[in-house]
Amino acid sequence: MAALAHWTAILLYLATTVVAALALSNRRRPNNTLLLGLLAGAVLTHGVSLLDTLISPAGYRFDLTAMLSLVAWTVNLLILLLAIQRPLYLLILILAPLAALAELASQHYSGAVIPRARLSAGVALHALLSIAAYSLLTLATLQAIYLFYQNQQLHNHRPGVISRFLPPLQTMESLLFGLIGFGQLLLTASLITGFLFVDNLFAQHLVHKTALSLLAWLLYSILLWGHWRWGWRGNTAVRWTLTAFAALMLAYFGSKLVLEVILQRG
């Protein structure tokens, strides 16, 4: 069942990508029912496969590829829900193939398994909140990149073709700050549960992750304050968003990459 779900998810993500790409290349809107139906099937089967990936009789997997697959699944689930009322075709075109790659990697490049006895409910809650926060803030970053592109097009008086397939700029900007605000709440909860339930949070193997996560939280807080107090928007908001996400990405995956790939090979 898990193997069937694994390959079905990959095929459905690729089919989703093809449908979106063909429509955008022909400068027309894709069949929304078909596109979201394929994406829903991909997310559903990916979830079944992911459950088997993360939880086994021997314990839990929290290695780099498993976490990438979990983030990809969460992001695509959020996109699916948001796309019901918004034409987010370009984001689907970008995220669906990335999810297929992440799902493929998680099954063929596995890491160590953590025994069940070593993972408490508090640590599991911390991990869940961390992944949810990272996923929301990943979407916010993609929104910021689009806003930068759109602002450049408007500044040069050359609206892009892809603009026809996305909501108005003001709507996308409101969505950006909504995602950042909710993501910041989850990131705050993740940090609090980390301090409460994770032992030795400032130990050598965790200090970089903790420091970078706190830096990202501070940068997002400054951005939200600046937006509320001084009306920051446009390229100012984009720069702060990208800088904060860079710190967060290094916190979540940089330490895993160093510990699981670079140091092991060294």
C-alpha atoms as a PDB file:
ATOM      1  CA  MET A   1       0.000   0.000   0.000  1.00  0.00           C
ATOM      2  CA  ALA A   2       2.749   2.466   0.913  1.00  0.00           C
ATOM      3  CA  ALA A   3       4.728   1.702  -2.256  1.00  0.00           C
ATOM      4  CA  LEU A   4       1.609   2.148  -4.387  1.00  0.00           C
ATOM      5  CA  ALA A   5       0.822   5.471  -2.670  1.00  0.00           C
ATOM      6  CA  HIS A   6       4.432   6.596  -3.152  1.00  0.00           C
ATOM      7  CA  TRP A   7       4.496   6.109  -6.932  1.00  0.00           C
ATOM      8  CA  THR A   8       0.909   7.289  -7.380  1.00  0.00           C
ATOM      9  CA  ALA A   9       1.723  10.549  -5.588  1.00  0.00           C
ATOM     10  CA  ILE A  10       4.743  11.158  -7.818  1.00  0.00           C
ATOM     11  CA  LEU A  11       2.754  10.482 -10.995  1.00  0.00           C
ATOM     12  CA  LEU A  12      -0.113  12.744  -9.873  1.00  0.00           C
ATOM     13  CA  TYR A  13       2.274  15.575  -8.956  1.00  0.00           C
ATOM     14  CA  LEU A  14       3.852  15.276 -12.404  1.00  0.00           C
ATOM     15  CA  ALA A  15       0.429  15.201 -14.076  1.00  0.00           C
ATOM     16  CA  THR A  16      -0.513  18.335 -12.123  1.00  0.00           C
ATOM     17  CA  THR A  17       2.673  19.990 -13.358  1.00  0.00           C
ATOM     18  CA  VAL A  18       1.947  19.080 -16.989  1.00  0.00           C
ATOM     19  CA  VAL A  19      -1.632  20.398 -16.855  1.00  0.00           C
ATOM     20  CA  ALA A  20      -0.508  23.716 -15.334  1.00  0.00           C
ATOM     21  CA  ALA A  21       2.478  24.061 -17.690  1.00  0.00           C
ATOM     22  CA  LEU A  22       0.459  23.380 -20.847  1.00  0.00           C
ATOM     23  CA  ALA A  23      -2.181  25.917 -19.866  1.00  0.00           C
ATOM     24  CA  LEU A  24       0.311  28.624 -18.982  1.00  0.00           C
ATOM     25  CA  SER A  25       2.383  28.014 -22.111  1.00  0.00           C
ATOM     26  CA  ASN A  26      -0.784  28.496 -24.185  1.00  0.00           C
ATOM     27  CA  ARG A  27      -1.603  31.643 -22.194  1.00  0.00           C
ATOM     28  CA  ARG A  28      -4.914  30.348 -20.940  1.00  0.00           C
ATOM     29  CA  ARG A  29      -6.285  29.324 -17.574  1.00  0.00           C
ATOM     30  CA  PRO A  30      -6.108  25.583 -16.849  1.00  0.00           C
ATOM     31  CA  ASN A  31      -9.170  23.479 -16.142  1.00  0.00           C
ATOM     32  CA  ASN A  32      -9.460  24.302 -12.439  1.00  0.00           C
ATOM     33  CA  THR A  33     -11.442  21.169 -11.556  1.00  0.00           C
ATOM     34  CA  LEU A  34      -8.921  18.910 -13.274  1.00  0.00           C
ATOM     35  CA  LEU A  35      -5.908  20.738 -11.843  1.00  0.00           C
ATOM     36  CA  LEU A  36      -7.128  20.775  -8.242  1.00  0.00           C
ATOM     37  CA  GLY A  37      -8.431  17.206  -8.568  1.00  0.00           C
ATOM     38  CA  LEU A  38      -4.993  15.969  -9.611  1.00  0.00           C
ATOM     39  CA  LEU A  39      -3.312  17.987  -6.861  1.00  0.00           C
ATOM     40  CA  ALA A  40      -5.790  16.678  -4.261  1.00  0.00           C
ATOM     41  CA  GLY A  41      -5.066  13.106  -5.320  1.00  0.00           C
ATOM     42  CA  ALA A  42      -1.334  13.773  -5.146  1.00  0.00           C
ATOM     43  CA  VAL A  43      -1.582  15.297  -1.669  1.00  0.00           C
ATOM     44  CA  LEU A  44      -3.776  12.423  -0.429  1.00  0.00           C
ATOM     45  CA  THR A  45      -1.496   9.646  -1.683  1.00  0.00           C
ATOM     46  CA  HIS A  46       1.606  11.571  -0.606  1.00  0.00           C
ATOM     47  CA  GLY A  47       0.111  11.741   2.892  1.00  0.00           C
ATOM     48  CA  VAL A  48      -0.419   7.965   2.969  1.00  0.00           C
ATOM     49  CA  SER A  49       3.154   7.358   1.824  1.00  0.00           C
ATOM     50  CA  LEU A  50       4.510   9.979   4.217  1.00  0.00           C
ATOM     51  CA  LEU A  51       2.825   8.367   7.207  1.00  0.00           C
ATOM     52  CA  ASP A  52       4.659   5.141   6.448  1.00  0.00           C
ATOM     53  CA  THR A  53       7.897   7.095   5.926  1.00  0.00           C
ATOM     54  CA  LEU A  54       7.799   8.988   9.211  1.00  0.00           C
ATOM     55  CA  ILE A  55       6.436   6.243  11.471  1.00  0.00           C
ATOM     56  CA  SER A  56       7.734   2.690  11.506  1.00  0.00           C
ATOM     57  CA  PRO A  57       7.733  -0.129  14.067  1.00  0.00           C
ATOM     58  CA  ALA A  58      11.342   0.783  14.867  1.00  0.00           C
ATOM     59  CA  GLY A  59      10.601   4.460  15.547  1.00  0.00           C
ATOM     60  CA  TYR A  60      10.416   7.831  13.798  1.00  0.00           C
ATOM     61  CA  ARG A  61      12.340   9.407  10.921  1.00  0.00           C
ATOM     62  CA  PHE A  62      13.409  13.046  11.236  1.00  0.00           C
ATOM     63  CA  ASP A  63      16.246  13.005   8.721  1.00  0.00           C
ATOM     64  CA  LEU A  64      16.786  15.613   5.984  1.00  0.00           C
ATOM     65  CA  THR A  65      14.881  13.919   3.148  1.00  0.00           C
ATOM     66  CA  ALA A  66      11.952  12.900   5.375  1.00  0.00           C
ATOM     67  CA  MET A  67      11.592  16.480   6.611  1.00  0.00           C
ATOM     68  CA  LEU A  68      11.801  17.864   3.065  1.00  0.00           C
ATOM     69  CA  SER A  69       8.995  15.515   2.059  1.00  0.00           C
ATOM     70  CA  LEU A  70       6.896  16.564   5.066  1.00  0.00           C
ATOM     71  CA  VAL A  71       7.393  20.258   4.283  1.00  0.00           C
ATOM     72  CA  ALA A  72       6.550  19.666   0.598  1.00  0.00           C
ATOM     73  CA  TRP A  73       3.365  17.828   1.559  1.00  0.00           C
ATOM     74  CA  THR A  74       2.298  20.541   4.014  1.00  0.00           C
ATOM     75  CA  VAL A  75       2.994  23.359   1.545  1.00  0.00           C
ATOM     76  CA  ASN A  76       1.048  21.642  -1.239  1.00  0.00           C
ATOM     77  CA  LEU A  77      -1.851  20.952   1.113  1.00  0.00           C
ATOM     78  CA  LEU A  78      -1.955  24.659   2.018  1.00  0.00           C
ATOM     79  CA  ILE A  79      -1.748  25.652  -1.655  1.00  0.00           C
ATOM     80  CA  LEU A  80      -4.596  23.255  -2.466  1.00  0.00           C
ATOM     81  CA  LEU A  81      -6.818  24.856   0.187  1.00  0.00           C
ATOM     82  CA  LEU A  82      -5.895  28.412  -0.845  1.00  0.00           C
ATOM     83  CA  ALA A  83      -6.333  27.663  -4.561  1.00  0.00           C
ATOM     84  CA  ILE A  84     -10.003  26.791  -4.092  1.00  0.00           C
ATOM     85  CA  GLN A  85     -10.778  30.526  -3.972  1.00  0.00           C
ATOM     86  CA  ARG A  86      -7.648  32.006  -5.623  1.00  0.00           C
ATOM     87  CA  PRO A  87      -6.011  31.304  -8.992  1.00  0.00           C
ATOM     88  CA  LEU A  88      -2.604  30.152  -7.725  1.00  0.00           C
ATOM     89  CA  TYR A  89      -1.644  28.275 -10.883  1.00  0.00           C
ATOM     90  CA  LEU A  90       1.945  29.499 -11.011  1.00  0.00           C
ATOM     91  CA  LEU A  91       2.624  28.426  -7.425  1.00  0.00           C
ATOM     92  CA  ILE A  92       1.167  25.000  -8.198  1.00  0.00           C
ATOM     93  CA  LEU A  93       3.415  24.745 -11.254  1.00  0.00           C
ATOM     94  CA  ILE A  94       6.456  25.440  -9.050  1.00  0.00           C
ATOM     95  CA  LEU A  95       5.531  23.381  -5.998  1.00  0.00           C
ATOM     96  CA  ALA A  96       4.074  20.198  -7.525  1.00  0.00           C
ATOM     97  CA  PRO A  97       7.304  18.988  -9.189  1.00  0.00           C
ATOM     98  CA  LEU A  98       9.320  19.923  -6.090  1.00  0.00           C
ATOM     99  CA  ALA A  99       6.975  17.746  -4.017  1.00  0.00           C
ATOM    100  CA  ALA A 100       7.498  14.854  -6.456  1.00  0.00           C
ATOM    101  CA  LEU A 101      11.271  15.176  -6.062  1.00  0.00           C
ATOM    102  CA  ALA A 102      11.017  15.402  -2.270  1.00  0.00           C
ATOM    103  CA  GLU A 103       8.782  12.314  -2.116  1.00  0.00           C
ATOM    104  CA  LEU A 104      11.163  10.380  -4.359  1.00  0.00           C
ATOM    105  CA  ALA A 105      14.189  11.378  -2.268  1.00  0.00           C
ATOM    106  CA  SER A 106      12.533  10.473   1.040  1.00  0.00           C
ATOM    107  CA  GLN A 107      11.999   6.871  -0.078  1.00  0.00           C
ATOM    108  CA  HIS A 108      15.403   6.277  -1.617  1.00  0.00           C
ATOM    109  CA  TYR A 109      17.726   8.285   0.665  1.00  0.00           C
ATOM    110  CA  SER A 110      16.687   7.489   4.222  1.00  0.00           C
ATOM    111  CA  GLY A 111      18.448   8.448   7.427  1.00  0.00           C
ATOM    112  CA  ALA A 112      18.572   7.128  10.961  1.00  0.00           C
ATOM    113  CA  VAL A 113      15.407   6.102  12.823  1.00  0.00           C
ATOM    114  CA  ILE A 114      14.752   7.551  16.281  1.00  0.00           C
ATOM    115  CA  PRO A 115      13.374   4.876  18.690  1.00  0.00           C
ATOM    116  CA  ARG A 116       9.855   5.573  19.944  1.00  0.00           C
ATOM    117  CA  ALA A 117      11.016   5.657  23.572  1.00  0.00           C
ATOM    118  CA  ARG A 118      13.290   8.645  22.858  1.00  0.00           C
ATOM    119  CA  LEU A 119      10.541  10.930  21.520  1.00  0.00           C
ATOM    120  CA  SER A 120       8.210  12.514  24.068  1.00  0.00           C
ATOM    121  CA  ALA A 121       4.840  14.087  23.306  1.00  0.00           C
ATOM    122  CA  GLY A 122       6.314  17.551  23.943  1.00  0.00           C
ATOM    123  CA  VAL A 123       9.123  17.047  21.444  1.00  0.00           C
ATOM    124  CA  ALA A 124       6.636  15.684  18.894  1.00  0.00           C
ATOM    125  CA  LEU A 125       4.483  18.824  19.377  1.00  0.00           C
ATOM    126  CA  HIS A 126       7.566  21.003  18.915  1.00  0.00           C
ATOM    127  CA  ALA A 127       8.433  19.195  15.667  1.00  0.00           C
ATOM    128  CA  LEU A 128       4.873  19.516  14.350  1.00  0.00           C
ATOM    129  CA  LEU A 129       4.723  23.245  15.098  1.00  0.00           C
ATOM    130  CA  SER A 130       8.141  23.772  13.529  1.00  0.00           C
ATOM    131  CA  ILE A 131       7.140  22.085  10.273  1.00  0.00           C
ATOM    132  CA  ALA A 132       3.836  23.981  10.126  1.00  0.00           C
ATOM    133  CA  ALA A 133       5.610  27.312  10.705  1.00  0.00           C
ATOM    134  CA  TYR A 134       8.275  26.578   8.117  1.00  0.00           C
ATOM    135  CA  SER A 135       5.665  25.549   5.548  1.00  0.00           C
ATOM    136  CA  LEU A 136       3.603  28.712   5.979  1.00  0.00           C
ATOM    137  CA  LEU A 137       6.673  30.926   5.833  1.00  0.00           C
ATOM    138  CA  THR A 138       7.846  29.079   2.707  1.00  0.00           C
ATOM    139  CA  LEU A 139       4.580  30.057   1.020  1.00  0.00           C
ATOM    140  CA  ALA A 140       5.062  33.615   2.245  1.00  0.00           C
ATOM    141  CA  THR A 141       8.515  33.674   0.657  1.00  0.00           C
ATOM    142  CA  LEU A 142       7.130  32.524  -2.696  1.00  0.00           C
ATOM    143  CA  GLN A 143       4.539  35.275  -2.410  1.00  0.00           C
ATOM    144  CA  ALA A 144       7.293  37.796  -1.728  1.00  0.00           C
ATOM    145  CA  ILE A 145       9.232  36.686  -4.815  1.00  0.00           C
ATOM    146  CA  TYR A 146       6.125  37.113  -6.955  1.00  0.00           C
ATOM    147  CA  LEU A 147       5.475  40.570  -5.477  1.00  0.00           C
ATOM    148  CA  PHE A 148       9.025  41.623  -6.288  1.00  0.00           C
ATOM    149  CA  TYR A 149       8.588  40.446  -9.882  1.00  0.00           C
ATOM    150  CA  GLN A 150       5.220  42.159 -10.196  1.00  0.00           C
ATOM    151  CA  ASN A 151       6.527  45.419  -8.728  1.00  0.00           C
ATOM    152  CA  GLN A 152       9.393  45.388 -11.218  1.00  0.00           C
ATOM    153  CA  GLN A 153       6.990  44.810 -14.102  1.00  0.00           C
ATOM    154  CA  LEU A 154       4.718  47.648 -13.008  1.00  0.00           C
ATOM    155  CA  HIS A 155       7.682  49.959 -12.444  1.00  0.00           C
ATOM    156  CA  ASN A 156       8.869  49.287 -16.000  1.00  0.00           C
ATOM    157  CA  HIS A 157       5.302  49.554 -17.364  1.00  0.00           C
ATOM    158  CA  ARG A 158       5.508  45.993 -18.712  1.00  0.00           C
ATOM    159  CA  PRO A 159       2.910  43.784 -17.015  1.00  0.00           C
ATOM    160  CA  GLY A 160       3.959  40.133 -17.295  1.00  0.00           C
ATOM    161  CA  VAL A 161       1.916  37.453 -19.023  1.00  0.00           C
ATOM    162  CA  ILE A 162       1.738  35.390 -15.826  1.00  0.00           C
ATOM    163  CA  SER A 163      -0.044  38.260 -14.067  1.00  0.00           C
ATOM    164  CA  ARG A 164      -3.242  37.171 -15.813  1.00  0.00           C
ATOM    165  CA  PHE A 165      -3.137  33.923 -13.852  1.00  0.00           C
ATOM    166  CA  LEU A 166      -2.716  35.407 -10.376  1.00  0.00           C
ATOM    167  CA  PRO A 167      -4.875  37.607  -8.126  1.00  0.00           C
ATOM    168  CA  PRO A 168      -4.384  41.406  -8.092  1.00  0.00           C
ATOM    169  CA  LEU A 169      -1.229  42.762  -6.474  1.00  0.00           C
ATOM    170  CA  GLN A 170      -3.079  44.151  -3.437  1.00  0.00           C
ATOM    171  CA  THR A 171      -4.718  40.778  -2.795  1.00  0.00           C
ATOM    172  CA  MET A 172      -1.378  38.975  -3.053  1.00  0.00           C
ATOM    173  CA  GLU A 173       0.207  41.482  -0.669  1.00  0.00           C
ATOM    174  CA  SER A 174      -2.563  40.971   1.888  1.00  0.00           C
ATOM    175  CA  LEU A 175      -2.101  37.214   1.548  1.00  0.00           C
ATOM    176  CA  LEU A 176       1.647  37.663   2.107  1.00  0.00           C
ATOM    177  CA  PHE A 177       1.221  39.419   5.454  1.00  0.00           C
ATOM    178  CA  GLY A 178      -1.522  37.004   6.476  1.00  0.00           C
ATOM    179  CA  LEU A 179       0.818  34.063   5.883  1.00  0.00           C
ATOM    180  CA  ILE A 180       3.679  35.791   7.685  1.00  0.00           C
ATOM    181  CA  GLY A 181       1.479  36.701  10.653  1.00  0.00           C
ATOM    182  CA  PHE A 182       0.109  33.184  11.075  1.00  0.00           C
ATOM    183  CA  GLY A 183       3.518  31.647  10.407  1.00  0.00           C
ATOM    184  CA  GLN A 184       5.065  33.902  13.043  1.00  0.00           C
ATOM    185  CA  LEU A 185       2.521  32.719  15.614  1.00  0.00           C
ATOM    186  CA  LEU A 186       3.410  29.106  14.847  1.00  0.00           C
ATOM    187  CA  LEU A 187       7.126  29.905  14.931  1.00  0.00           C
ATOM    188  CA  THR A 188       6.660  31.537  18.352  1.00  0.00           C
ATOM    189  CA  ALA A 189       4.834  28.445  19.617  1.00  0.00           C
ATOM    190  CA  SER A 190       7.573  26.254  18.155  1.00  0.00           C
ATOM    191  CA  LEU A 191      10.293  28.186  19.989  1.00  0.00           C
ATOM    192  CA  ILE A 192       8.355  28.115  23.266  1.00  0.00           C
ATOM    193  CA  THR A 193       7.791  24.338  23.070  1.00  0.00           C
ATOM    194  CA  GLY A 194      11.450  23.922  22.145  1.00  0.00           C
ATOM    195  CA  PHE A 195      12.576  25.725  25.290  1.00  0.00           C
ATOM    196  CA  LEU A 196      10.073  23.744  27.378  1.00  0.00           C
ATOM    197  CA  PHE A 197      10.516  20.215  26.037  1.00  0.00           C
ATOM    198  CA  VAL A 198      13.848  19.909  24.199  1.00  0.00           C
ATOM    199  CA  ASP A 199      16.769  19.069  26.463  1.00  0.00           C
ATOM    200  CA  ASN A 200      20.008  21.007  26.028  1.00  0.00           C
ATOM    201  CA  LEU A 201      18.590  23.377  23.404  1.00  0.00           C
ATOM    202  CA  PHE A 202      21.891  25.258  23.376  1.00  0.00           C
ATOM    203  CA  ALA A 203      24.036  22.134  23.120  1.00  0.00           C
ATOM    204  CA  GLN A 204      26.700  22.132  20.432  1.00  0.00           C
ATOM    205  CA  HIS A 205      24.596  20.307  17.824  1.00  0.00           C
ATOM    206  CA  LEU A 206      21.546  22.560  18.400  1.00  0.00           C
ATOM    207  CA  VAL A 207      23.008  25.979  19.132  1.00  0.00           C
ATOM    208  CA  HIS A 208      23.187  27.022  15.469  1.00  0.00           C
ATOM    209  CA  LYS A 209      19.584  26.001  14.848  1.00  0.00           C
ATOM    210  CA  THR A 210      18.372  27.788  17.979  1.00  0.00           C
ATOM    211  CA  ALA A 211      20.293  31.004  17.277  1.00  0.00           C
ATOM    212  CA  LEU A 212      19.190  31.167  13.615  1.00  0.00           C
ATOM    213  CA  SER A 213      15.560  30.428  14.545  1.00  0.00           C
ATOM    214  CA  LEU A 214      15.616  33.273  17.072  1.00  0.00           C
ATOM    215  CA  LEU A 215      17.172  35.560  14.448  1.00  0.00           C
ATOM    216  CA  ALA A 216      14.432  34.651  11.960  1.00  0.00           C
ATOM    217  CA  TRP A 217      11.756  35.271  14.618  1.00  0.00           C
ATOM    218  CA  LEU A 218      13.265  38.705  15.338  1.00  0.00           C
ATOM    219  CA  LEU A 219      13.397  39.647  11.640  1.00  0.00           C
ATOM    220  CA  TYR A 220       9.780  38.580  11.047  1.00  0.00           C
ATOM    221  CA  SER A 221       8.720  40.525  14.138  1.00  0.00           C
ATOM    222  CA  ILE A 222      10.439  43.688  12.876  1.00  0.00           C
ATOM    223  CA  LEU A 223       8.762  43.259   9.473  1.00  0.00           C
ATOM    224  CA  LEU A 224       5.295  42.854  10.983  1.00  0.00           C
ATOM    225  CA  TRP A 225       5.856  45.819  13.296  1.00  0.00           C
ATOM    226  CA  GLY A 226       7.098  47.951  10.397  1.00  0.00           C
ATOM    227  CA  HIS A 227       4.082  46.983   8.296  1.00  0.00           C
ATOM    228  CA  TRP A 228       1.671  47.822  11.110  1.00  0.00           C
ATOM    229  CA  ARG A 229       3.434  50.959  12.379  1.00  0.00           C
ATOM    230  CA  TRP A 230       4.940  52.509   9.251  1.00  0.00           C
ATOM    231  CA  GLY A 231       3.103  50.772   6.438  1.00  0.00           C
ATOM    232  CA  TRP A 232       6.062  48.824   5.065  1.00  0.00           C
ATOM    233  CA  ARG A 233       5.150  47.090   1.814  1.00  0.00           C
ATOM    234  CA  GLY A 234       6.489  46.484  -1.683  1.00  0.00           C
ATOM    235  CA  ASN A 235      10.202  45.816  -2.061  1.00  0.00           C
ATOM    236  CA  THR A 236      10.896  46.728   1.578  1.00  0.00           C
ATOM    237  CA  ALA A 237       8.637  43.905   2.723  1.00  0.00           C
ATOM    238  CA  VAL A 238      10.168  41.568   0.142  1.00  0.00           C
ATOM    239  CA  ARG A 239      13.727  42.196   1.367  1.00  0.00           C
ATOM    240  CA  TRP A 240      12.808  41.599   5.010  1.00  0.00           C
ATOM    241  CA  THR A 241      10.855  38.457   4.103  1.00  0.00           C
ATOM    242  CA  LEU A 242      13.697  36.945   2.076  1.00  0.00           C
ATOM    243  CA  THR A 243      16.295  37.776   4.732  1.00  0.00           C
ATOM    244  CA  ALA A 244      14.203  36.264   7.530  1.00  0.00           C
ATOM    245  CA  PHE A 245      13.462  33.141   5.496  1.00  0.00           C
ATOM    246  CA  ALA A 246      17.149  32.678   4.673  1.00  0.00           C
ATOM    247  CA  ALA A 247      17.893  32.544   8.404  1.00  0.00           C
ATOM    248  CA  LEU A 248      14.990  30.166   8.977  1.00  0.00           C
ATOM    249  CA  MET A 249      16.030  27.865   6.122  1.00  0.00           C
ATOM    250  CA  LEU A 250      19.558  27.658   7.494  1.00  0.00           C
ATOM    251  CA  ALA A 251      18.110  26.879  10.934  1.00  0.00           C
ATOM    252  CA  TYR A 252      15.833  24.085   9.730  1.00  0.00           C
ATOM    253  CA  PHE A 253      17.883  22.437   7.008  1.00  0.00           C
ATOM    254  CA  GLY A 254      21.377  23.909   7.237  1.00  0.00           C
ATOM    255  CA  SER A 255      22.209  22.078  10.455  1.00  0.00           C
ATOM    256  CA  LYS A 256      20.739  18.822   9.120  1.00  0.00           C
ATOM    257  CA  LEU A 257      22.733  19.148   5.915  1.00  0.00           C
ATOM    258  CA  VAL A 258      25.965  19.686   7.836  1.00  0.00           C
ATOM    259  CA  LEU A 259      25.363  16.909  10.377  1.00  0.00           C
ATOM    260  CA  GLU A 260      23.890  14.259   8.061  1.00  0.00           C
ATOM    261  CA  VAL A 261      25.710  14.858   4.772  1.00  0.00           C
ATOM    262  CA  ILE A 262      28.857  16.987   4.981  1.00  0.00           C
ATOM    263  CA  LEU A 263      30.277  15.776   8.312  1.00  0.00           C
ATOM    264  CA  GLN A 264      29.425  12.128   7.631  1.00  0.00           C
ATOM    265  CA  ARG A 265      31.192  12.229   4.282  1.00  0.00           C
ATOM    266  CA  GLY A 266      34.108  14.067   5.834  1.00  0.00           C
END
